[in-house]
Amino acid sequence: MIFRFVVRKLKWVAKIPGAPQLFDAMLLAATALFHSRRLRAISALEATLKDRPGMSLGVHRLGGIGFFFRGREVGHVHGNGLLDCLVGRANRDSLLESGRASSHHIFPRSGWISFWIEGAEDVPRAAGLIEIACAHRGEAS
């Protein structure tokens, strides 16, 4: 897919100011046009998390919406519905073994995981992964 190609083969584009946000805006537009169910699920996840104590949402430096717990990034969701969360290596291993998440799409050996949000049924799982990331960040501070 184009997302994988751009992220893996055109990494240098991320260094151009505004380019990641523009690319993610195009992903979001394509999601709105062709995957409205996914777009509603992304919006539902944002609505679920925005009022969580200590949580703030903002533009992510590489595009998408960033989730910040006590000012530190715990994850972000790309315009195509790909959620990335920093859960730590021990949590990552457990989540991968149980099938609750996938290896991070760029850094598979890191403490990051990826999870595809397809529809409303994925929102509770996605929110749960963000909760794990918040707990991990809380321990790390």
N, C-alpha and C. Protein backbone atom coordinates (compact mmCIF):
# COMPACT_ATOMS: atom_id res chain seq x y z
N MET A 1 0.83 -1.19 0.00
CA MET A 1 0.00 0.00 0.00
C MET A 1 0.87 1.25 0.00
N ILE A 2 0.26 2.36 -0.33
CA ILE A 2 1.01 3.60 -0.43
C ILE A 2 1.57 4.04 0.92
N PHE A 3 0.82 3.81 2.01
CA PHE A 3 1.30 4.18 3.34
C PHE A 3 2.62 3.47 3.64
N ARG A 4 2.63 2.17 3.44
CA ARG A 4 3.83 1.38 3.72
C ARG A 4 5.00 1.84 2.84
N PHE A 5 4.73 2.08 1.56
CA PHE A 5 5.77 2.53 0.64
C PHE A 5 6.37 3.86 1.11
N VAL A 6 5.51 4.83 1.39
CA VAL A 6 5.99 6.16 1.79
C VAL A 6 6.78 6.07 3.09
N VAL A 7 6.25 5.35 4.07
CA VAL A 7 6.90 5.27 5.37
C VAL A 7 8.24 4.54 5.30
N ARG A 8 8.32 3.51 4.47
CA ARG A 8 9.56 2.72 4.41
C ARG A 8 10.57 3.24 3.39
N LYS A 9 10.11 3.71 2.26
CA LYS A 9 11.03 4.09 1.18
C LYS A 9 11.30 5.58 1.08
N LEU A 10 10.41 6.38 1.60
CA LEU A 10 10.56 7.83 1.49
C LEU A 10 10.69 8.48 2.86
N LYS A 11 11.46 7.85 3.74
CA LYS A 11 11.62 8.36 5.11
C LYS A 11 12.11 9.80 5.15
N TRP A 12 12.92 10.16 4.18
CA TRP A 12 13.49 11.51 4.14
C TRP A 12 12.41 12.59 4.04
N VAL A 13 11.24 12.24 3.52
CA VAL A 13 10.16 13.21 3.39
C VAL A 13 9.72 13.73 4.76
N ALA A 14 9.87 12.91 5.79
CA ALA A 14 9.47 13.31 7.15
C ALA A 14 10.28 14.50 7.66
N LYS A 15 11.43 14.75 7.04
CA LYS A 15 12.27 15.88 7.48
C LYS A 15 11.84 17.21 6.86
N ILE A 16 10.96 17.16 5.89
CA ILE A 16 10.46 18.38 5.26
C ILE A 16 9.34 18.93 6.13
N PRO A 17 9.48 20.17 6.61
CA PRO A 17 8.45 20.73 7.49
C PRO A 17 7.05 20.67 6.87
N GLY A 18 6.13 20.11 7.61
CA GLY A 18 4.73 20.02 7.18
C GLY A 18 4.41 18.83 6.29
N ALA A 19 5.41 18.16 5.74
CA ALA A 19 5.15 17.05 4.82
C ALA A 19 4.42 15.88 5.50
N PRO A 20 4.84 15.46 6.71
CA PRO A 20 4.11 14.35 7.34
C PRO A 20 2.64 14.69 7.60
N GLN A 21 2.39 15.93 8.01
CA GLN A 21 1.01 16.34 8.29
C GLN A 21 0.19 16.38 6.99
N LEU A 22 0.80 16.83 5.91
CA LEU A 22 0.11 16.86 4.62
C LEU A 22 -0.22 15.44 4.15
N PHE A 23 0.75 14.54 4.26
CA PHE A 23 0.52 13.15 3.86
C PHE A 23 -0.59 12.54 4.70
N ASP A 24 -0.57 12.79 6.01
CA ASP A 24 -1.60 12.23 6.88
C ASP A 24 -2.96 12.84 6.57
N ALA A 25 -3.00 14.11 6.21
CA ALA A 25 -4.27 14.74 5.83
C ALA A 25 -4.84 14.06 4.58
N MET A 26 -3.97 13.66 3.66
CA MET A 26 -4.43 12.94 2.47
C MET A 26 -4.95 11.55 2.85
N LEU A 27 -4.28 10.90 3.81
CA LEU A 27 -4.77 9.61 4.30
C LEU A 27 -6.15 9.77 4.92
N LEU A 28 -6.30 10.81 5.72
CA LEU A 28 -7.58 11.07 6.38
C LEU A 28 -8.68 11.36 5.36
N ALA A 29 -8.35 12.11 4.32
CA ALA A 29 -9.33 12.40 3.26
C ALA A 29 -9.75 11.12 2.55
N ALA A 30 -8.79 10.26 2.26
CA ALA A 30 -9.11 8.98 1.62
C ALA A 30 -9.97 8.12 2.54
N THR A 31 -9.66 8.14 3.83
CA THR A 31 -10.45 7.39 4.80
C THR A 31 -11.88 7.93 4.83
N ALA A 32 -12.03 9.25 4.82
CA ALA A 32 -13.36 9.86 4.83
C ALA A 32 -14.16 9.46 3.58
N LEU A 33 -13.49 9.41 2.44
CA LEU A 33 -14.18 9.09 1.18
C LEU A 33 -14.53 7.62 1.04
N PHE A 34 -13.61 6.75 1.46
CA PHE A 34 -13.76 5.33 1.16
C PHE A 34 -13.99 4.42 2.36
N HIS A 35 -13.77 4.93 3.57
CA HIS A 35 -13.89 4.10 4.77
C HIS A 35 -14.54 4.91 5.90
N SER A 36 -15.76 5.36 5.68
CA SER A 36 -16.42 6.23 6.66
C SER A 36 -16.60 5.53 8.01
N ARG A 37 -16.78 4.23 8.00
CA ARG A 37 -16.90 3.47 9.25
C ARG A 37 -15.62 3.60 10.09
N ARG A 38 -14.48 3.51 9.44
CA ARG A 38 -13.19 3.66 10.11
C ARG A 38 -13.02 5.08 10.64
N LEU A 39 -13.42 6.06 9.84
CA LEU A 39 -13.31 7.46 10.28
C LEU A 39 -14.16 7.70 11.53
N ARG A 40 -15.38 7.16 11.56
CA ARG A 40 -16.22 7.31 12.75
C ARG A 40 -15.58 6.64 13.96
N ALA A 41 -14.92 5.52 13.75
CA ALA A 41 -14.25 4.83 14.87
C ALA A 41 -13.07 5.65 15.39
N ILE A 42 -12.30 6.26 14.50
CA ILE A 42 -11.19 7.13 14.93
C ILE A 42 -11.74 8.28 15.76
N SER A 43 -12.83 8.89 15.30
CA SER A 43 -13.45 10.00 16.03
C SER A 43 -13.96 9.53 17.39
N ALA A 44 -14.53 8.34 17.44
CA ALA A 44 -15.03 7.80 18.71
C ALA A 44 -13.88 7.56 19.69
N LEU A 45 -12.75 7.09 19.19
CA LEU A 45 -11.58 6.89 20.06
C LEU A 45 -11.12 8.23 20.62
N GLU A 46 -11.03 9.23 19.78
CA GLU A 46 -10.63 10.56 20.24
C GLU A 46 -11.59 11.07 21.31
N ALA A 47 -12.90 10.91 21.08
CA ALA A 47 -13.91 11.36 22.04
C ALA A 47 -13.80 10.60 23.36
N THR A 48 -13.49 9.31 23.27
CA THR A 48 -13.35 8.48 24.47
C THR A 48 -12.17 8.94 25.32
N LEU A 49 -11.08 9.31 24.67
CA LEU A 49 -9.84 9.61 25.39
C LEU A 49 -9.69 11.07 25.81
N LYS A 50 -10.37 11.99 25.14
CA LYS A 50 -10.10 13.41 25.37
C LYS A 50 -10.41 13.87 26.79
N ASP A 51 -11.36 13.21 27.47
CA ASP A 51 -11.72 13.62 28.83
C ASP A 51 -11.05 12.79 29.91
N ARG A 52 -10.18 11.89 29.52
CA ARG A 52 -9.46 11.07 30.50
C ARG A 52 -8.53 11.98 31.30
N PRO A 53 -8.51 11.87 32.63
CA PRO A 53 -7.61 12.71 33.43
C PRO A 53 -6.14 12.53 33.00
N GLY A 54 -5.46 13.64 32.81
CA GLY A 54 -4.05 13.62 32.42
C GLY A 54 -3.81 13.48 30.93
N MET A 55 -4.88 13.27 30.15
CA MET A 55 -4.75 13.03 28.71
C MET A 55 -5.00 14.31 27.93
N SER A 56 -4.19 14.54 26.93
CA SER A 56 -4.45 15.62 25.98
C SER A 56 -4.22 15.08 24.57
N LEU A 57 -4.90 15.67 23.62
CA LEU A 57 -4.77 15.29 22.22
C LEU A 57 -4.20 16.46 21.46
N GLY A 58 -3.40 16.15 20.45
CA GLY A 58 -2.82 17.21 19.63
C GLY A 58 -2.29 16.65 18.33
N VAL A 59 -1.82 17.54 17.50
CA VAL A 59 -1.24 17.13 16.22
C VAL A 59 0.08 16.42 16.51
N HIS A 60 0.26 15.26 15.89
CA HIS A 60 1.49 14.50 16.08
C HIS A 60 2.56 15.02 15.12
N ARG A 61 3.80 14.98 15.54
CA ARG A 61 4.90 15.53 14.73
C ARG A 61 5.07 14.82 13.39
N LEU A 62 4.62 13.57 13.30
CA LEU A 62 4.72 12.84 12.04
C LEU A 62 3.36 12.64 11.39
N GLY A 63 2.40 13.46 11.75
CA GLY A 63 1.06 13.37 11.18
C GLY A 63 0.13 12.58 12.06
N GLY A 64 -1.14 12.84 11.93
CA GLY A 64 -2.14 12.16 12.73
C GLY A 64 -2.41 12.90 14.03
N ILE A 65 -3.17 12.23 14.88
CA ILE A 65 -3.53 12.78 16.18
C ILE A 65 -2.69 12.09 17.24
N GLY A 66 -1.99 12.88 18.05
CA GLY A 66 -1.18 12.34 19.13
C GLY A 66 -1.96 12.30 20.43
N PHE A 67 -1.71 11.27 21.21
CA PHE A 67 -2.29 11.13 22.55
C PHE A 67 -1.16 11.33 23.55
N PHE A 68 -1.34 12.29 24.44
CA PHE A 68 -0.29 12.66 25.39
C PHE A 68 -0.82 12.51 26.80
N PHE A 69 -0.11 11.73 27.61
CA PHE A 69 -0.48 11.52 29.01
C PHE A 69 0.52 12.28 29.88
N ARG A 70 -0.02 13.23 30.63
CA ARG A 70 0.83 14.09 31.46
C ARG A 70 1.94 14.74 30.63
N GLY A 71 1.61 15.12 29.41
CA GLY A 71 2.55 15.82 28.54
C GLY A 71 3.50 14.93 27.76
N ARG A 72 3.42 13.62 27.95
CA ARG A 72 4.32 12.70 27.24
C ARG A 72 3.52 11.84 26.27
N GLU A 73 4.06 11.64 25.08
CA GLU A 73 3.33 10.86 24.09
C GLU A 73 3.18 9.41 24.53
N VAL A 74 1.94 8.90 24.40
CA VAL A 74 1.68 7.49 24.65
C VAL A 74 1.24 6.77 23.37
N GLY A 75 0.87 7.54 22.36
CA GLY A 75 0.46 6.93 21.11
C GLY A 75 -0.02 7.98 20.12
N HIS A 76 -0.35 7.51 18.94
CA HIS A 76 -0.91 8.37 17.91
C HIS A 76 -1.67 7.51 16.91
N VAL A 77 -2.66 8.13 16.29
CA VAL A 77 -3.44 7.42 15.27
C VAL A 77 -3.27 8.16 13.95
N HIS A 78 -2.92 7.41 12.93
CA HIS A 78 -2.75 7.95 11.59
C HIS A 78 -4.12 8.08 10.93
N GLY A 79 -4.18 8.88 9.89
CA GLY A 79 -5.43 9.13 9.19
C GLY A 79 -6.05 7.90 8.54
N ASN A 80 -5.27 6.84 8.40
CA ASN A 80 -5.79 5.61 7.81
C ASN A 80 -6.28 4.61 8.86
N GLY A 81 -6.25 5.01 10.15
CA GLY A 81 -6.74 4.15 11.22
C GLY A 81 -5.68 3.31 11.90
N LEU A 82 -4.42 3.53 11.59
CA LEU A 82 -3.35 2.77 12.24
C LEU A 82 -2.97 3.46 13.55
N LEU A 83 -3.20 2.77 14.66
CA LEU A 83 -2.86 3.28 15.99
C LEU A 83 -1.51 2.72 16.39
N ASP A 84 -0.61 3.59 16.82
CA ASP A 84 0.69 3.18 17.35
C ASP A 84 0.74 3.60 18.81
N CYS A 85 1.16 2.68 19.69
CA CYS A 85 1.23 2.96 21.13
C CYS A 85 2.59 2.53 21.67
N LEU A 86 3.11 3.34 22.60
CA LEU A 86 4.35 3.01 23.29
C LEU A 86 3.99 2.29 24.58
N VAL A 87 4.13 0.96 24.58
CA VAL A 87 3.72 0.16 25.73
C VAL A 87 4.89 -0.48 26.48
N GLY A 88 6.10 -0.34 25.97
CA GLY A 88 7.26 -0.99 26.58
C GLY A 88 7.42 -2.40 26.05
N ARG A 89 8.62 -2.91 26.12
CA ARG A 89 8.90 -4.22 25.51
C ARG A 89 8.18 -5.38 26.19
N ALA A 90 8.11 -5.37 27.52
CA ALA A 90 7.44 -6.47 28.23
C ALA A 90 5.96 -6.52 27.86
N ASN A 91 5.30 -5.37 27.89
CA ASN A 91 3.89 -5.31 27.49
C ASN A 91 3.72 -5.67 26.03
N ARG A 92 4.64 -5.20 25.18
CA ARG A 92 4.57 -5.51 23.75
C ARG A 92 4.58 -7.02 23.54
N ASP A 93 5.52 -7.70 24.20
CA ASP A 93 5.62 -9.15 24.03
C ASP A 93 4.32 -9.85 24.42
N SER A 94 3.74 -9.43 25.53
CA SER A 94 2.48 -10.01 26.00
C SER A 94 1.34 -9.73 25.01
N LEU A 95 1.27 -8.50 24.52
CA LEU A 95 0.21 -8.14 23.57
C LEU A 95 0.36 -8.87 22.25
N LEU A 96 1.59 -9.06 21.79
CA LEU A 96 1.82 -9.78 20.54
C LEU A 96 1.46 -11.25 20.70
N GLU A 97 1.87 -11.85 21.83
CA GLU A 97 1.56 -13.26 22.09
C GLU A 97 0.07 -13.52 22.12
N SER A 98 -0.67 -12.60 22.75
CA SER A 98 -2.11 -12.78 22.88
C SER A 98 -2.87 -12.37 21.62
N GLY A 99 -2.18 -11.77 20.66
CA GLY A 99 -2.82 -11.35 19.43
C GLY A 99 -3.62 -10.06 19.55
N ARG A 100 -3.43 -9.33 20.64
CA ARG A 100 -4.18 -8.08 20.86
C ARG A 100 -3.59 -6.91 20.09
N ALA A 101 -2.39 -7.07 19.56
CA ALA A 101 -1.73 -6.00 18.80
C ALA A 101 -0.74 -6.65 17.83
N SER A 102 -0.21 -5.82 16.94
CA SER A 102 0.81 -6.26 15.98
C SER A 102 2.11 -5.53 16.27
N SER A 103 3.19 -6.07 15.75
CA SER A 103 4.48 -5.38 15.86
C SER A 103 4.36 -4.01 15.21
N HIS A 104 5.12 -3.07 15.72
CA HIS A 104 5.10 -1.73 15.14
C HIS A 104 5.50 -1.82 13.67
N HIS A 105 4.84 -1.06 12.84
CA HIS A 105 5.02 -1.16 11.39
C HIS A 105 6.39 -0.69 10.91
N ILE A 106 7.13 0.06 11.72
CA ILE A 106 8.47 0.52 11.33
C ILE A 106 9.54 -0.05 12.26
N PHE A 107 9.25 -0.05 13.56
CA PHE A 107 10.23 -0.48 14.57
C PHE A 107 9.70 -1.70 15.32
N PRO A 108 9.74 -2.88 14.70
CA PRO A 108 9.12 -4.06 15.30
C PRO A 108 9.77 -4.54 16.59
N ARG A 109 11.01 -4.18 16.83
CA ARG A 109 11.69 -4.65 18.05
C ARG A 109 11.67 -3.62 19.17
N SER A 110 11.00 -2.52 18.94
CA SER A 110 10.93 -1.46 19.95
C SER A 110 9.80 -1.74 20.94
N GLY A 111 9.56 -0.83 21.83
CA GLY A 111 8.45 -0.94 22.78
C GLY A 111 7.13 -0.44 22.21
N TRP A 112 7.11 -0.16 20.91
CA TRP A 112 5.90 0.31 20.25
C TRP A 112 5.13 -0.86 19.64
N ILE A 113 3.80 -0.72 19.60
CA ILE A 113 2.94 -1.70 18.92
C ILE A 113 2.04 -0.95 17.95
N SER A 114 1.45 -1.67 17.02
CA SER A 114 0.49 -1.10 16.08
C SER A 114 -0.82 -1.88 16.18
N PHE A 115 -1.91 -1.19 15.89
CA PHE A 115 -3.24 -1.79 15.93
C PHE A 115 -4.12 -1.09 14.90
N TRP A 116 -4.76 -1.87 14.04
CA TRP A 116 -5.63 -1.29 13.02
C TRP A 116 -7.03 -1.08 13.57
N ILE A 117 -7.51 0.15 13.46
CA ILE A 117 -8.89 0.47 13.83
C ILE A 117 -9.72 0.40 12.56
N GLU A 118 -10.64 -0.55 12.53
CA GLU A 118 -11.49 -0.74 11.34
C GLU A 118 -12.89 -0.19 11.55
N GLY A 119 -13.41 -0.33 12.78
CA GLY A 119 -14.77 0.10 13.05
C GLY A 119 -15.00 0.28 14.53
N ALA A 120 -16.25 0.56 14.90
CA ALA A 120 -16.62 0.86 16.29
C ALA A 120 -16.24 -0.28 17.24
N GLU A 121 -16.27 -1.50 16.75
CA GLU A 121 -15.93 -2.64 17.62
C GLU A 121 -14.47 -2.62 18.07
N ASP A 122 -13.63 -1.87 17.38
CA ASP A 122 -12.21 -1.79 17.73
C ASP A 122 -11.89 -0.68 18.73
N VAL A 123 -12.82 0.23 18.96
CA VAL A 123 -12.56 1.37 19.84
C VAL A 123 -12.23 0.95 21.27
N PRO A 124 -12.98 0.03 21.90
CA PRO A 124 -12.61 -0.38 23.27
C PRO A 124 -11.21 -1.00 23.34
N ARG A 125 -10.86 -1.82 22.36
CA ARG A 125 -9.51 -2.41 22.35
C ARG A 125 -8.45 -1.35 22.17
N ALA A 126 -8.69 -0.40 21.28
CA ALA A 126 -7.74 0.69 21.05
C ALA A 126 -7.58 1.52 22.31
N ALA A 127 -8.69 1.85 22.97
CA ALA A 127 -8.63 2.62 24.22
C ALA A 127 -7.88 1.83 25.29
N GLY A 128 -8.07 0.53 25.32
CA GLY A 128 -7.35 -0.32 26.27
C GLY A 128 -5.85 -0.30 26.03
N LEU A 129 -5.45 -0.28 24.77
CA LEU A 129 -4.02 -0.20 24.45
C LEU A 129 -3.44 1.14 24.89
N ILE A 130 -4.21 2.21 24.71
CA ILE A 130 -3.76 3.52 25.18
C ILE A 130 -3.64 3.51 26.71
N GLU A 131 -4.56 2.84 27.39
CA GLU A 131 -4.49 2.73 28.86
C GLU A 131 -3.20 2.00 29.29
N ILE A 132 -2.86 0.95 28.58
CA ILE A 132 -1.61 0.23 28.87
C ILE A 132 -0.42 1.16 28.65
N ALA A 133 -0.47 1.94 27.58
CA ALA A 133 0.61 2.90 27.30
C ALA A 133 0.70 3.96 28.40
N CYS A 134 -0.46 4.42 28.89
CA CYS A 134 -0.46 5.41 29.99
C CYS A 134 0.15 4.80 31.25
N ALA A 135 -0.21 3.57 31.55
CA ALA A 135 0.36 2.90 32.72
C ALA A 135 1.87 2.75 32.56
N HIS A 136 2.30 2.40 31.37
CA HIS A 136 3.74 2.27 31.11
C HIS A 136 4.44 3.61 31.29
N ARG A 137 3.87 4.67 30.75
CA ARG A 137 4.47 6.01 30.89
C ARG A 137 4.44 6.46 32.34
N GLY A 138 3.38 6.09 33.07
CA GLY A 138 3.30 6.45 34.48
C GLY A 138 4.40 5.79 35.29
N GLU A 139 4.72 4.54 34.95
CA GLU A 139 5.80 3.81 35.63
C GLU A 139 7.15 4.39 35.26
N ALA A 140 7.28 4.86 34.02
CA ALA A 140 8.57 5.34 33.52
C ALA A 140 8.91 6.74 34.02
N SER A 141 7.93 7.47 34.56
CA SER A 141 8.22 8.84 34.99
C SER A 141 8.74 8.92 36.40
